[in-house]
Amino acid sequence: MRQSVLILFVVLPGLAAVLVCGYYLFSDWAALNAAFARFEGAVARNADLRSIFIAQSLQQSFRINCFADGVGVLLGALLMAIGIHGLCTLPAGCPTSA
């Protein structure tokens, strides 16, 4: 009973958070690379200050998104690890041990 509660309410939500946030992290990472290339291009061609400011703001917003997604991955992994540790410390022992 305790094992099912830990798996259902701790391990699986942690795994779901890692998967969902990881998916969005990689998609935001690709967008960040494109936005940073656009920013570097604007700086290299000596664009006007308004264009550089817009390109910089865009790439900084993707940086914040990547940071938030990365924090979600780490928190999901932490939740999942806590659940697995709870499974291993139950009186029945770790379910993976023979």
C-alpha atoms as a PDB file:
ATOM      1  CA  MET A   1       0.000   0.000   0.000  1.00  0.00           C
ATOM      2  CA  ARG A   2       2.726   2.475   0.962  1.00  0.00           C
ATOM      3  CA  GLN A   3       4.717   1.574  -2.120  1.00  0.00           C
ATOM      4  CA  SER A   4       1.787   2.355  -4.408  1.00  0.00           C
ATOM      5  CA  VAL A   5       1.175   5.689  -2.672  1.00  0.00           C
ATOM      6  CA  LEU A   6       4.831   6.683  -3.031  1.00  0.00           C
ATOM      7  CA  ILE A   7       4.950   5.623  -6.654  1.00  0.00           C
ATOM      8  CA  LEU A   8       1.634   7.251  -7.556  1.00  0.00           C
ATOM      9  CA  PHE A   9       2.045  10.554  -5.713  1.00  0.00           C
ATOM     10  CA  VAL A  10       5.814  11.128  -5.604  1.00  0.00           C
ATOM     11  CA  VAL A  11       7.807   9.137  -8.151  1.00  0.00           C
ATOM     12  CA  LEU A  12       5.469   9.417 -11.150  1.00  0.00           C
ATOM     13  CA  PRO A  13       4.801  13.181 -10.753  1.00  0.00           C
ATOM     14  CA  GLY A  14       8.550  13.731 -10.434  1.00  0.00           C
ATOM     15  CA  LEU A  15       9.167  11.739 -13.590  1.00  0.00           C
ATOM     16  CA  ALA A  16       6.411  13.633 -15.395  1.00  0.00           C
ATOM     17  CA  ALA A  17       7.939  16.967 -14.352  1.00  0.00           C
ATOM     18  CA  VAL A  18      11.368  15.884 -15.618  1.00  0.00           C
ATOM     19  CA  LEU A  19       9.957  14.764 -18.963  1.00  0.00           C
ATOM     20  CA  VAL A  20       7.698  17.764 -19.568  1.00  0.00           C
ATOM     21  CA  CYS A  21      10.207  20.388 -18.421  1.00  0.00           C
ATOM     22  CA  GLY A  22      12.997  18.605 -20.302  1.00  0.00           C
ATOM     23  CA  TYR A  23      10.968  18.718 -23.510  1.00  0.00           C
ATOM     24  CA  TYR A  24      10.356  22.449 -23.154  1.00  0.00           C
ATOM     25  CA  LEU A  25      13.964  23.033 -22.115  1.00  0.00           C
ATOM     26  CA  PHE A  26      15.269  21.575 -25.363  1.00  0.00           C
ATOM     27  CA  SER A  27      12.760  23.497 -27.491  1.00  0.00           C
ATOM     28  CA  ASP A  28      13.590  26.756 -25.681  1.00  0.00           C
ATOM     29  CA  TRP A  29      17.310  25.992 -26.036  1.00  0.00           C
ATOM     30  CA  ALA A  30      16.943  25.808 -29.821  1.00  0.00           C
ATOM     31  CA  ALA A  31      15.011  29.086 -29.824  1.00  0.00           C
ATOM     32  CA  LEU A  32      17.674  30.665 -27.599  1.00  0.00           C
ATOM     33  CA  ASN A  33      20.410  29.669 -30.037  1.00  0.00           C
ATOM     34  CA  ALA A  34      18.472  31.216 -32.923  1.00  0.00           C
ATOM     35  CA  ALA A  35      17.737  34.408 -30.969  1.00  0.00           C
ATOM     36  CA  PHE A  36      21.366  34.724 -29.878  1.00  0.00           C
ATOM     37  CA  ALA A  37      22.555  34.294 -33.477  1.00  0.00           C
ATOM     38  CA  ARG A  38      20.137  37.063 -34.484  1.00  0.00           C
ATOM     39  CA  PHE A  39      21.538  39.274 -31.706  1.00  0.00           C
ATOM     40  CA  GLU A  40      25.137  38.574 -32.728  1.00  0.00           C
ATOM     41  CA  GLY A  41      24.260  39.331 -36.347  1.00  0.00           C
ATOM     42  CA  ALA A  42      22.718  42.669 -35.388  1.00  0.00           C
ATOM     43  CA  VAL A  43      25.824  43.601 -33.390  1.00  0.00           C
ATOM     44  CA  ALA A  44      28.190  42.455 -36.150  1.00  0.00           C
ATOM     45  CA  ARG A  45      26.493  44.515 -38.857  1.00  0.00           C
ATOM     46  CA  ASN A  46      26.402  47.621 -36.628  1.00  0.00           C
ATOM     47  CA  ALA A  47      22.611  47.837 -36.609  1.00  0.00           C
ATOM     48  CA  ASP A  48      20.882  50.740 -34.946  1.00  0.00           C
ATOM     49  CA  LEU A  49      20.461  50.694 -31.181  1.00  0.00           C
ATOM     50  CA  ARG A  50      16.729  49.923 -31.362  1.00  0.00           C
ATOM     51  CA  SER A  51      17.310  46.715 -33.364  1.00  0.00           C
ATOM     52  CA  ILE A  52      20.072  45.601 -31.031  1.00  0.00           C
ATOM     53  CA  PHE A  53      17.896  46.275 -27.989  1.00  0.00           C
ATOM     54  CA  ILE A  54      14.997  44.255 -29.445  1.00  0.00           C
ATOM     55  CA  ALA A  55      17.281  41.330 -30.374  1.00  0.00           C
ATOM     56  CA  GLN A  56      18.871  41.394 -26.922  1.00  0.00           C
ATOM     57  CA  SER A  57      15.490  41.437 -25.174  1.00  0.00           C
ATOM     58  CA  LEU A  58      14.317  38.469 -27.222  1.00  0.00           C
ATOM     59  CA  GLN A  59      17.354  36.344 -26.445  1.00  0.00           C
ATOM     60  CA  GLN A  60      17.215  37.292 -22.761  1.00  0.00           C
ATOM     61  CA  SER A  61      13.590  36.170 -22.529  1.00  0.00           C
ATOM     62  CA  PHE A  62      14.609  32.766 -23.915  1.00  0.00           C
ATOM     63  CA  ARG A  63      17.452  32.634 -21.376  1.00  0.00           C
ATOM     64  CA  ILE A  64      14.938  33.113 -18.568  1.00  0.00           C
ATOM     65  CA  ASN A  65      12.700  30.411 -20.068  1.00  0.00           C
ATOM     66  CA  CYS A  66      15.629  27.980 -20.255  1.00  0.00           C
ATOM     67  CA  PHE A  67      16.522  28.735 -16.649  1.00  0.00           C
ATOM     68  CA  ALA A  68      12.941  28.134 -15.484  1.00  0.00           C
ATOM     69  CA  ASP A  69      12.691  24.897 -17.470  1.00  0.00           C
ATOM     70  CA  GLY A  70      16.007  23.720 -16.046  1.00  0.00           C
ATOM     71  CA  VAL A  71      14.799  24.433 -12.516  1.00  0.00           C
ATOM     72  CA  GLY A  72      11.674  22.397 -13.283  1.00  0.00           C
ATOM     73  CA  VAL A  73      13.817  19.473 -14.434  1.00  0.00           C
ATOM     74  CA  LEU A  74      15.921  19.645 -11.285  1.00  0.00           C
ATOM     75  CA  LEU A  75      12.924  19.897  -8.953  1.00  0.00           C
ATOM     76  CA  GLY A  76      11.188  17.005 -10.708  1.00  0.00           C
ATOM     77  CA  ALA A  77      14.335  14.899 -10.403  1.00  0.00           C
ATOM     78  CA  LEU A  78      14.580  15.808  -6.726  1.00  0.00           C
ATOM     79  CA  LEU A  79      10.962  14.799  -6.139  1.00  0.00           C
ATOM     80  CA  MET A  80      11.512  11.532  -7.968  1.00  0.00           C
ATOM     81  CA  ALA A  81      14.686  10.825  -5.964  1.00  0.00           C
ATOM     82  CA  ILE A  82      12.861  11.478  -2.695  1.00  0.00           C
ATOM     83  CA  GLY A  83      10.175   9.000  -3.738  1.00  0.00           C
ATOM     84  CA  ILE A  84      12.698   6.347  -4.717  1.00  0.00           C
ATOM     85  CA  HIS A  85      14.536   6.882  -1.434  1.00  0.00           C
ATOM     86  CA  GLY A  86      11.228   6.477   0.385  1.00  0.00           C
ATOM     87  CA  LEU A  87      10.622   3.217  -1.450  1.00  0.00           C
ATOM     88  CA  CYS A  88      14.040   1.933  -0.448  1.00  0.00           C
ATOM     89  CA  THR A  89      13.581   2.811   3.214  1.00  0.00           C
ATOM     90  CA  LEU A  90      10.218   1.084   3.636  1.00  0.00           C
ATOM     91  CA  PRO A  91      10.290  -1.867   6.027  1.00  0.00           C
ATOM     92  CA  ALA A  92       9.888  -4.278   3.101  1.00  0.00           C
ATOM     93  CA  GLY A  93      13.171  -2.984   1.647  1.00  0.00           C
ATOM     94  CA  CYS A  94      14.059  -1.666  -1.734  1.00  0.00           C
ATOM     95  CA  PRO A  95      11.828  -3.177  -4.427  1.00  0.00           C
ATOM     96  CA  THR A  96      14.820  -3.643  -6.732  1.00  0.00           C
ATOM     97  CA  SER A  97      16.806  -5.714  -4.253  1.00  0.00           C
ATOM     98  CA  ALA A  98      16.638  -9.483  -4.546  1.00  0.00           C
END
